């Protein structure tokens, strides 16, 4: 049977997509200090999240597709949590100004795709923030981030984290539907203004 291109990357009927379940794979993250791992960014820089001052929003996604690209596997849309990376990224783009107004110093996306692949997506979607590549799985392994194996790819499960001065303060997991993730993060930020760094609980990873 011939493979067919993925359906529209933006227009998704979420009632037809199986939602992910909370498998407990992110419970350990809150309170962890990020490792000093530098990741390449679509901006051309390298970024070590632990060294960034202030409040950071980092959202993780499995993989974005290209318009008209063949799905990585025939049943991609039926894998819980797989579909929706483009709507998730677009939502963070659309809420970017509000996120900054809510006290966020920087926003990043992250996936295990290569920077070249991510750069095409970031430019096509006009993202006002950089996307980080963990193609070497270094950050994923250090933080024990939830992953899924699809074909021969190790992909991040969808989540979002609030990071204060290198320490994870809040985790959103599982995420569904993906296009509401940025709004949920924004609501949490507005209710939870940034605390002083000295009051945060710091746990070694």
C-alpha atoms as a PDB file:
ATOM      1  CA  UNK A   1       0.000   0.000   0.000  1.00  0.00           C
ATOM      2  CA  UNK A   2       1.462   3.371  -1.018  1.00  0.00           C
ATOM      3  CA  UNK A   3       2.127   5.926   1.669  1.00  0.00           C
ATOM      4  CA  UNK A   4       0.142   9.155   1.443  1.00  0.00           C
ATOM      5  CA  UNK A   5       1.140  12.674   2.471  1.00  0.00           C
ATOM      6  CA  UNK A   6       0.160  13.893   5.903  1.00  0.00           C
ATOM      7  CA  UNK A   7      -3.104  15.774   6.097  1.00  0.00           C
ATOM      8  CA  UNK A   8      -3.164  19.515   6.795  1.00  0.00           C
ATOM      9  CA  UNK A   9      -0.643  20.286   9.540  1.00  0.00           C
ATOM     10  CA  UNK A  10      -2.741  23.108  11.008  1.00  0.00           C
ATOM     11  CA  UNK A  11      -6.378  22.008  10.716  1.00  0.00           C
ATOM     12  CA  UNK A  12      -6.878  19.035  13.046  1.00  0.00           C
ATOM     13  CA  UNK A  13     -10.085  17.512  14.397  1.00  0.00           C
ATOM     14  CA  UNK A  14      -8.890  16.662  17.896  1.00  0.00           C
ATOM     15  CA  UNK A  15     -11.953  14.506  18.554  1.00  0.00           C
ATOM     16  CA  UNK A  16     -10.506  12.060  16.026  1.00  0.00           C
ATOM     17  CA  UNK A  17      -7.040  11.983  17.612  1.00  0.00           C
ATOM     18  CA  UNK A  18      -6.325   9.667  20.575  1.00  0.00           C
ATOM     19  CA  UNK A  19      -5.161  11.703  23.588  1.00  0.00           C
ATOM     20  CA  UNK A  20      -2.019  10.733  25.500  1.00  0.00           C
ATOM     21  CA  UNK A  21      -2.366   9.394  29.034  1.00  0.00           C
ATOM     22  CA  UNK A  22      -0.395  10.416  32.102  1.00  0.00           C
ATOM     23  CA  UNK A  23       2.107   7.584  32.411  1.00  0.00           C
ATOM     24  CA  UNK A  24       3.970   9.258  35.264  1.00  0.00           C
ATOM     25  CA  UNK A  25       7.094   9.729  33.140  1.00  0.00           C
ATOM     26  CA  UNK A  26       7.386  13.442  34.016  1.00  0.00           C
ATOM     27  CA  UNK A  27       6.661  13.312  37.754  1.00  0.00           C
ATOM     28  CA  UNK A  28      10.333  13.578  38.699  1.00  0.00           C
ATOM     29  CA  UNK A  29      11.003  16.775  36.753  1.00  0.00           C
ATOM     30  CA  UNK A  30       9.592  19.465  39.046  1.00  0.00           C
ATOM     31  CA  UNK A  31      12.370  20.852  41.211  1.00  0.00           C
ATOM     32  CA  UNK A  32      15.200  19.482  39.088  1.00  0.00           C
ATOM     33  CA  UNK A  33      18.137  21.646  38.111  1.00  0.00           C
ATOM     34  CA  UNK A  34      18.937  21.485  34.432  1.00  0.00           C
ATOM     35  CA  UNK A  35      22.300  20.065  33.383  1.00  0.00           C
ATOM     36  CA  UNK A  36      24.900  22.256  31.718  1.00  0.00           C
ATOM     37  CA  UNK A  37      24.310  20.941  28.213  1.00  0.00           C
ATOM     38  CA  UNK A  38      24.645  23.262  25.236  1.00  0.00           C
ATOM     39  CA  UNK A  39      22.177  22.626  22.410  1.00  0.00           C
ATOM     40  CA  UNK A  40      22.299  24.082  18.891  1.00  0.00           C
ATOM     41  CA  UNK A  41      19.500  26.549  18.152  1.00  0.00           C
ATOM     42  CA  UNK A  42      17.797  27.606  14.947  1.00  0.00           C
ATOM     43  CA  UNK A  43      19.124  31.121  15.641  1.00  0.00           C
ATOM     44  CA  UNK A  44      22.658  29.866  15.016  1.00  0.00           C
ATOM     45  CA  UNK A  45      23.574  30.079  18.698  1.00  0.00           C
ATOM     46  CA  UNK A  46      24.180  27.315  21.207  1.00  0.00           C
ATOM     47  CA  UNK A  47      22.071  27.462  24.361  1.00  0.00           C
ATOM     48  CA  UNK A  48      22.619  25.985  27.816  1.00  0.00           C
ATOM     49  CA  UNK A  49      19.304  26.406  29.606  1.00  0.00           C
ATOM     50  CA  UNK A  50      20.780  26.178  33.093  1.00  0.00           C
ATOM     51  CA  UNK A  51      22.711  29.396  32.571  1.00  0.00           C
ATOM     52  CA  UNK A  52      19.787  31.530  31.468  1.00  0.00           C
ATOM     53  CA  UNK A  53      18.644  34.109  34.028  1.00  0.00           C
ATOM     54  CA  UNK A  54      14.991  34.685  34.775  1.00  0.00           C
ATOM     55  CA  UNK A  55      12.008  32.651  33.698  1.00  0.00           C
ATOM     56  CA  UNK A  56      12.158  30.369  30.654  1.00  0.00           C
ATOM     57  CA  UNK A  57       9.386  28.446  28.904  1.00  0.00           C
ATOM     58  CA  UNK A  58      10.548  25.280  27.162  1.00  0.00           C
ATOM     59  CA  UNK A  59       8.095  23.143  25.237  1.00  0.00           C
ATOM     60  CA  UNK A  60       8.983  19.742  23.811  1.00  0.00           C
ATOM     61  CA  UNK A  61       7.363  18.018  20.865  1.00  0.00           C
ATOM     62  CA  UNK A  62       7.930  14.763  18.919  1.00  0.00           C
ATOM     63  CA  UNK A  63       8.578  16.077  15.415  1.00  0.00           C
ATOM     64  CA  UNK A  64       7.168  18.615  13.002  1.00  0.00           C
ATOM     65  CA  UNK A  65       6.290  17.606   9.468  1.00  0.00           C
ATOM     66  CA  UNK A  66       6.689  19.320   6.146  1.00  0.00           C
ATOM     67  CA  UNK A  67       3.621  20.237   4.090  1.00  0.00           C
ATOM     68  CA  UNK A  68       2.936  17.299   1.789  1.00  0.00           C
ATOM     69  CA  UNK A  69       5.564  15.121   3.476  1.00  0.00           C
ATOM     70  CA  UNK A  70       4.919  11.405   3.864  1.00  0.00           C
ATOM     71  CA  UNK A  71       4.097  10.418   7.456  1.00  0.00           C
ATOM     72  CA  UNK A  72       6.955   8.627   9.222  1.00  0.00           C
ATOM     73  CA  UNK A  73       4.652   5.644   9.805  1.00  0.00           C
ATOM     74  CA  UNK A  74       1.249   4.768   8.347  1.00  0.00           C
ATOM     75  CA  UNK A  75      -0.615   5.183  11.653  1.00  0.00           C
ATOM     76  CA  UNK A  76       1.130   8.373  12.871  1.00  0.00           C
ATOM     77  CA  UNK A  77      -2.157  10.118  13.690  1.00  0.00           C
ATOM     78  CA  UNK A  78      -3.256   7.148  15.809  1.00  0.00           C
ATOM     79  CA  UNK A  79      -0.215   7.284  18.092  1.00  0.00           C
ATOM     80  CA  UNK A  80      -1.365   9.109  21.261  1.00  0.00           C
ATOM     81  CA  UNK A  81       0.448  12.420  21.516  1.00  0.00           C
ATOM     82  CA  UNK A  82       2.116  12.251  18.113  1.00  0.00           C
ATOM     83  CA  UNK A  83      -0.042  14.603  16.061  1.00  0.00           C
ATOM     84  CA  UNK A  84      -0.101  18.352  16.659  1.00  0.00           C
ATOM     85  CA  UNK A  85       3.463  19.683  16.741  1.00  0.00           C
ATOM     86  CA  UNK A  86       2.772  22.452  14.232  1.00  0.00           C
ATOM     87  CA  UNK A  87      -0.367  23.702  16.066  1.00  0.00           C
ATOM     88  CA  UNK A  88       1.563  23.639  19.358  1.00  0.00           C
ATOM     89  CA  UNK A  89       4.411  25.725  17.933  1.00  0.00           C
ATOM     90  CA  UNK A  90       1.997  28.148  16.288  1.00  0.00           C
ATOM     91  CA  UNK A  91       0.179  28.629  19.594  1.00  0.00           C
ATOM     92  CA  UNK A  92       3.407  29.582  21.363  1.00  0.00           C
ATOM     93  CA  UNK A  93       4.113  31.958  18.483  1.00  0.00           C
ATOM     94  CA  UNK A  94       0.674  33.540  18.773  1.00  0.00           C
ATOM     95  CA  UNK A  95       0.946  33.913  22.577  1.00  0.00           C
ATOM     96  CA  UNK A  96       4.592  35.022  22.545  1.00  0.00           C
ATOM     97  CA  UNK A  97       3.912  38.689  23.368  1.00  0.00           C
ATOM     98  CA  UNK A  98       1.572  37.716  26.210  1.00  0.00           C
ATOM     99  CA  UNK A  99       4.107  35.238  27.584  1.00  0.00           C
ATOM    100  CA  UNK A 100       6.748  37.962  27.678  1.00  0.00           C
ATOM    101  CA  UNK A 101       4.293  40.311  29.382  1.00  0.00           C
ATOM    102  CA  UNK A 102       3.684  37.591  32.001  1.00  0.00           C
ATOM    103  CA  UNK A 103       7.357  37.656  32.973  1.00  0.00           C
ATOM    104  CA  UNK A 104       8.954  35.154  30.613  1.00  0.00           C
ATOM    105  CA  UNK A 105      12.474  36.116  29.588  1.00  0.00           C
ATOM    106  CA  UNK A 106      12.792  33.527  26.836  1.00  0.00           C
ATOM    107  CA  UNK A 107      10.797  30.827  25.044  1.00  0.00           C
ATOM    108  CA  UNK A 108      12.254  27.773  23.296  1.00  0.00           C
ATOM    109  CA  UNK A 109      10.933  24.706  21.558  1.00  0.00           C
ATOM    110  CA  UNK A 110      12.937  21.475  21.607  1.00  0.00           C
ATOM    111  CA  UNK A 111      12.824  18.205  19.704  1.00  0.00           C
ATOM    112  CA  UNK A 112      15.209  15.451  18.681  1.00  0.00           C
ATOM    113  CA  UNK A 113      15.165  16.600  15.054  1.00  0.00           C
ATOM    114  CA  UNK A 114      18.227  18.206  13.489  1.00  0.00           C
ATOM    115  CA  UNK A 115      18.723  21.966  13.483  1.00  0.00           C
ATOM    116  CA  UNK A 116      18.472  22.118   9.682  1.00  0.00           C
ATOM    117  CA  UNK A 117      15.060  20.438   9.802  1.00  0.00           C
ATOM    118  CA  UNK A 118      13.928  22.676  12.648  1.00  0.00           C
ATOM    119  CA  UNK A 119      15.180  25.835  10.929  1.00  0.00           C
ATOM    120  CA  UNK A 120      12.928  25.244   7.919  1.00  0.00           C
ATOM    121  CA  UNK A 121       9.955  24.907  10.267  1.00  0.00           C
ATOM    122  CA  UNK A 122      10.887  27.964  12.344  1.00  0.00           C
ATOM    123  CA  UNK A 123      11.208  30.117   9.233  1.00  0.00           C
ATOM    124  CA  UNK A 124       8.058  28.781   7.583  1.00  0.00           C
ATOM    125  CA  UNK A 125       5.971  29.355  10.720  1.00  0.00           C
ATOM    126  CA  UNK A 126       7.651  32.716  11.490  1.00  0.00           C
ATOM    127  CA  UNK A 127       8.486  31.716  15.060  1.00  0.00           C
ATOM    128  CA  UNK A 128       9.731  34.681  17.146  1.00  0.00           C
ATOM    129  CA  UNK A 129      11.876  32.354  19.272  1.00  0.00           C
ATOM    130  CA  UNK A 130      14.544  29.724  18.659  1.00  0.00           C
ATOM    131  CA  UNK A 131      14.071  25.961  18.587  1.00  0.00           C
ATOM    132  CA  UNK A 132      16.702  23.716  20.180  1.00  0.00           C
ATOM    133  CA  UNK A 133      17.934  20.423  18.767  1.00  0.00           C
ATOM    134  CA  UNK A 134      18.547  17.497  21.093  1.00  0.00           C
ATOM    135  CA  UNK A 135      19.390  15.186  18.210  1.00  0.00           C
ATOM    136  CA  UNK A 136      22.137  13.644  20.326  1.00  0.00           C
ATOM    137  CA  UNK A 137      19.600  12.874  23.107  1.00  0.00           C
ATOM    138  CA  UNK A 138      21.949  14.438  25.703  1.00  0.00           C
ATOM    139  CA  UNK A 139      19.349  16.615  27.454  1.00  0.00           C
ATOM    140  CA  UNK A 140      16.709  13.909  27.082  1.00  0.00           C
ATOM    141  CA  UNK A 141      18.897  11.380  28.873  1.00  0.00           C
ATOM    142  CA  UNK A 142      20.136  13.778  31.551  1.00  0.00           C
ATOM    143  CA  UNK A 143      16.609  14.823  32.556  1.00  0.00           C
ATOM    144  CA  UNK A 144      15.063  11.421  31.791  1.00  0.00           C
ATOM    145  CA  UNK A 145      12.459  13.140  29.638  1.00  0.00           C
ATOM    146  CA  UNK A 146       9.537  10.984  28.480  1.00  0.00           C
ATOM    147  CA  UNK A 147      10.113   9.581  24.992  1.00  0.00           C
ATOM    148  CA  UNK A 148       8.499   7.318  22.460  1.00  0.00           C
ATOM    149  CA  UNK A 149      10.086   5.088  19.842  1.00  0.00           C
ATOM    150  CA  UNK A 150       8.608   5.458  16.362  1.00  0.00           C
ATOM    151  CA  UNK A 151      10.251   3.423  13.611  1.00  0.00           C
ATOM    152  CA  UNK A 152      13.970   4.056  14.208  1.00  0.00           C
ATOM    153  CA  UNK A 153      13.439   7.455  15.860  1.00  0.00           C
ATOM    154  CA  UNK A 154      13.580   8.404  19.538  1.00  0.00           C
ATOM    155  CA  UNK A 155      11.044  11.219  19.886  1.00  0.00           C
ATOM    156  CA  UNK A 156      10.178  13.417  22.839  1.00  0.00           C
ATOM    157  CA  UNK A 157       6.690  13.150  24.228  1.00  0.00           C
ATOM    158  CA  UNK A 158       4.894  16.464  24.274  1.00  0.00           C
ATOM    159  CA  UNK A 159       5.311  18.572  27.409  1.00  0.00           C
ATOM    160  CA  UNK A 160       6.078  22.088  28.563  1.00  0.00           C
ATOM    161  CA  UNK A 161       8.201  23.322  31.451  1.00  0.00           C
ATOM    162  CA  UNK A 162       8.578  26.572  33.364  1.00  0.00           C
ATOM    163  CA  UNK A 163      12.240  27.046  34.309  1.00  0.00           C
ATOM    164  CA  UNK A 164      13.349  29.656  36.854  1.00  0.00           C
ATOM    165  CA  UNK A 165      17.084  30.372  36.897  1.00  0.00           C
ATOM    166  CA  UNK A 166      17.867  26.867  35.680  1.00  0.00           C
ATOM    167  CA  UNK A 167      15.414  25.036  37.973  1.00  0.00           C
ATOM    168  CA  UNK A 168      12.178  23.444  36.750  1.00  0.00           C
ATOM    169  CA  UNK A 169       9.266  25.065  38.593  1.00  0.00           C
ATOM    170  CA  UNK A 170       6.286  23.589  36.745  1.00  0.00           C
ATOM    171  CA  UNK A 171       5.642  20.815  34.233  1.00  0.00           C
ATOM    172  CA  UNK A 172       2.672  20.418  31.900  1.00  0.00           C
ATOM    173  CA  UNK A 173       2.291  16.738  30.992  1.00  0.00           C
ATOM    174  CA  UNK A 174       0.559  15.171  29.223  1.00  0.00           C
ATOM    175  CA  UNK A 175      -0.427  17.887  26.761  1.00  0.00           C
ATOM    176  CA  UNK A 176      -3.693  17.668  24.829  1.00  0.00           C
ATOM    177  CA  UNK A 177      -4.859  19.184  22.644  1.00  0.00           C
ATOM    178  CA  UNK A 178      -1.508  20.655  21.606  1.00  0.00           C
ATOM    179  CA  UNK A 179      -2.888  23.963  20.361  1.00  0.00           C
ATOM    180  CA  UNK A 180      -4.075  24.828  23.898  1.00  0.00           C
ATOM    181  CA  UNK A 181      -0.718  24.223  25.557  1.00  0.00           C
ATOM    182  CA  UNK A 182       0.529  27.810  25.225  1.00  0.00           C
ATOM    183  CA  UNK A 183      -2.722  29.174  26.653  1.00  0.00           C
ATOM    184  CA  UNK A 184      -2.497  26.831  29.633  1.00  0.00           C
ATOM    185  CA  UNK A 185       1.095  27.895  30.253  1.00  0.00           C
ATOM    186  CA  UNK A 186       0.101  31.560  30.027  1.00  0.00           C
ATOM    187  CA  UNK A 187      -2.717  31.090  32.543  1.00  0.00           C
ATOM    188  CA  UNK A 188      -0.340  29.419  35.011  1.00  0.00           C
ATOM    189  CA  UNK A 189       2.195  32.224  34.610  1.00  0.00           C
ATOM    190  CA  UNK A 190      -0.404  34.887  35.282  1.00  0.00           C
ATOM    191  CA  UNK A 191      -1.518  33.131  38.474  1.00  0.00           C
ATOM    192  CA  UNK A 192       2.038  32.335  39.578  1.00  0.00           C
ATOM    193  CA  UNK A 193       4.277  35.377  39.189  1.00  0.00           C
ATOM    194  CA  UNK A 194       7.961  34.629  39.411  1.00  0.00           C
ATOM    195  CA  UNK A 195       9.356  34.012  42.862  1.00  0.00           C
ATOM    196  CA  UNK A 196      12.804  34.991  44.087  1.00  0.00           C
ATOM    197  CA  UNK A 197      15.427  32.427  43.149  1.00  0.00           C
ATOM    198  CA  UNK A 198      16.340  31.849  46.799  1.00  0.00           C
ATOM    199  CA  UNK A 199      12.837  30.557  47.564  1.00  0.00           C
ATOM    200  CA  UNK A 200      12.874  27.875  44.898  1.00  0.00           C
ATOM    201  CA  UNK A 201      13.397  24.263  45.845  1.00  0.00           C
ATOM    202  CA  UNK A 202      16.498  22.965  44.079  1.00  0.00           C
ATOM    203  CA  UNK A 203      16.989  19.244  43.552  1.00  0.00           C
ATOM    204  CA  UNK A 204      20.050  17.776  41.896  1.00  0.00           C
ATOM    205  CA  UNK A 205      19.413  15.813  38.730  1.00  0.00           C
END
